[in-house]
């Protein structure tokens, strides 16, 4: 039906500024992580958004999960121990 999702798969680049790590992990193929206005990481989402990076940049613990229904990546966040 010409939806935006179909356009992205058809070779069109879609740029989105997300502040929700869960959305970025679930829907992005590539991410650029900024801290203080500077790029601290960039690359494929699955290998870039790691628990270590999230701890270092955002100061929270992250656990990577897979949604059993959609198969998409989910990030569970908690306070540092």
C-alpha atoms as a PDB file:
ATOM      1  CA  UNK A   1       0.000   0.000   0.000  1.00  0.00           C
ATOM      2  CA  UNK A   2       3.038   2.320  -0.284  1.00  0.00           C
ATOM      3  CA  UNK A   3       3.564   2.580   3.476  1.00  0.00           C
ATOM      4  CA  UNK A   4       6.741   4.126   4.859  1.00  0.00           C
ATOM      5  CA  UNK A   5       7.961   0.698   5.960  1.00  0.00           C
ATOM      6  CA  UNK A   6       7.766  -0.580   2.363  1.00  0.00           C
ATOM      7  CA  UNK A   7       9.708   2.465   1.138  1.00  0.00           C
ATOM      8  CA  UNK A   8      12.570   1.826   3.546  1.00  0.00           C
ATOM      9  CA  UNK A   9      12.885  -1.762   2.325  1.00  0.00           C
ATOM     10  CA  UNK A  10      12.820  -0.569  -1.261  1.00  0.00           C
ATOM     11  CA  UNK A  11      16.165   1.193  -0.884  1.00  0.00           C
ATOM     12  CA  UNK A  12      15.060   4.540   0.501  1.00  0.00           C
ATOM     13  CA  UNK A  13      16.938   5.845   3.525  1.00  0.00           C
ATOM     14  CA  UNK A  14      14.827   6.851   6.496  1.00  0.00           C
ATOM     15  CA  UNK A  15      16.438   9.056   9.141  1.00  0.00           C
ATOM     16  CA  UNK A  16      14.894   9.304  12.606  1.00  0.00           C
ATOM     17  CA  UNK A  17      16.183  10.963  15.768  1.00  0.00           C
ATOM     18  CA  UNK A  18      15.089   8.666  18.593  1.00  0.00           C
ATOM     19  CA  UNK A  19      15.539   9.137  22.297  1.00  0.00           C
ATOM     20  CA  UNK A  20      13.991   5.773  23.096  1.00  0.00           C
ATOM     21  CA  UNK A  21      16.617   3.020  23.002  1.00  0.00           C
ATOM     22  CA  UNK A  22      13.912   0.357  22.812  1.00  0.00           C
ATOM     23  CA  UNK A  23      12.494   1.825  19.600  1.00  0.00           C
ATOM     24  CA  UNK A  24      15.950   2.209  18.128  1.00  0.00           C
ATOM     25  CA  UNK A  25      16.833  -1.404  18.971  1.00  0.00           C
ATOM     26  CA  UNK A  26      13.564  -2.776  17.608  1.00  0.00           C
ATOM     27  CA  UNK A  27      13.268  -0.835  14.363  1.00  0.00           C
ATOM     28  CA  UNK A  28      16.690   0.435  13.261  1.00  0.00           C
ATOM     29  CA  UNK A  29      19.231  -1.376  11.139  1.00  0.00           C
ATOM     30  CA  UNK A  30      21.979   1.178  11.863  1.00  0.00           C
ATOM     31  CA  UNK A  31      22.435   3.589  14.775  1.00  0.00           C
ATOM     32  CA  UNK A  32      24.610   6.541  15.643  1.00  0.00           C
ATOM     33  CA  UNK A  33      24.976   7.144  19.389  1.00  0.00           C
ATOM     34  CA  UNK A  34      25.747  10.671  20.574  1.00  0.00           C
ATOM     35  CA  UNK A  35      27.047  11.819  23.942  1.00  0.00           C
ATOM     36  CA  UNK A  36      27.486  15.509  24.606  1.00  0.00           C
ATOM     37  CA  UNK A  37      26.903  16.239  20.913  1.00  0.00           C
ATOM     38  CA  UNK A  38      29.699  13.893  19.799  1.00  0.00           C
ATOM     39  CA  UNK A  39      29.495  10.544  18.051  1.00  0.00           C
ATOM     40  CA  UNK A  40      30.634   7.806  20.433  1.00  0.00           C
ATOM     41  CA  UNK A  41      29.484   4.803  18.389  1.00  0.00           C
ATOM     42  CA  UNK A  42      28.003   4.029  14.990  1.00  0.00           C
ATOM     43  CA  UNK A  43      27.187   0.858  13.144  1.00  0.00           C
ATOM     44  CA  UNK A  44      24.708  -1.976  12.854  1.00  0.00           C
ATOM     45  CA  UNK A  45      22.213  -1.800  15.707  1.00  0.00           C
ATOM     46  CA  UNK A  46      22.755  -5.358  16.953  1.00  0.00           C
ATOM     47  CA  UNK A  47      26.493  -4.888  17.384  1.00  0.00           C
ATOM     48  CA  UNK A  48      26.521  -1.215  18.382  1.00  0.00           C
ATOM     49  CA  UNK A  49      23.834  -0.999  21.094  1.00  0.00           C
ATOM     50  CA  UNK A  50      25.573  -3.193  23.639  1.00  0.00           C
ATOM     51  CA  UNK A  51      25.009  -3.340  27.402  1.00  0.00           C
ATOM     52  CA  UNK A  52      28.503  -1.871  27.885  1.00  0.00           C
ATOM     53  CA  UNK A  53      27.867   1.106  25.586  1.00  0.00           C
ATOM     54  CA  UNK A  54      24.493   1.794  27.180  1.00  0.00           C
ATOM     55  CA  UNK A  55      26.052   1.683  30.663  1.00  0.00           C
ATOM     56  CA  UNK A  56      28.903   4.006  29.657  1.00  0.00           C
ATOM     57  CA  UNK A  57      26.750   6.547  27.786  1.00  0.00           C
ATOM     58  CA  UNK A  58      23.479   6.495  29.739  1.00  0.00           C
ATOM     59  CA  UNK A  59      24.547   5.182  33.161  1.00  0.00           C
ATOM     60  CA  UNK A  60      22.003   2.346  33.278  1.00  0.00           C
ATOM     61  CA  UNK A  61      22.233  -1.429  33.149  1.00  0.00           C
ATOM     62  CA  UNK A  62      20.823  -3.014  29.990  1.00  0.00           C
ATOM     63  CA  UNK A  63      19.810  -6.551  29.197  1.00  0.00           C
ATOM     64  CA  UNK A  64      19.233  -7.513  25.570  1.00  0.00           C
ATOM     65  CA  UNK A  65      16.197  -9.709  24.928  1.00  0.00           C
ATOM     66  CA  UNK A  66      14.228 -10.909  21.916  1.00  0.00           C
ATOM     67  CA  UNK A  67      10.490 -10.387  21.724  1.00  0.00           C
ATOM     68  CA  UNK A  68       9.089 -13.916  21.317  1.00  0.00           C
ATOM     69  CA  UNK A  69       6.184 -12.701  19.172  1.00  0.00           C
ATOM     70  CA  UNK A  70       7.901 -10.276  16.784  1.00  0.00           C
ATOM     71  CA  UNK A  71      11.468 -11.572  16.941  1.00  0.00           C
ATOM     72  CA  UNK A  72      12.649  -7.975  17.357  1.00  0.00           C
ATOM     73  CA  UNK A  73      15.286  -6.910  19.831  1.00  0.00           C
ATOM     74  CA  UNK A  74      14.139  -5.506  23.177  1.00  0.00           C
ATOM     75  CA  UNK A  75      16.254  -3.664  25.732  1.00  0.00           C
ATOM     76  CA  UNK A  76      15.371  -4.037  29.411  1.00  0.00           C
ATOM     77  CA  UNK A  77      16.826  -1.142  31.438  1.00  0.00           C
ATOM     78  CA  UNK A  78      17.475  -0.944  35.167  1.00  0.00           C
ATOM     79  CA  UNK A  79      19.419   1.165  37.632  1.00  0.00           C
ATOM     80  CA  UNK A  80      23.105   0.319  37.985  1.00  0.00           C
ATOM     81  CA  UNK A  81      23.950  -2.107  40.786  1.00  0.00           C
END
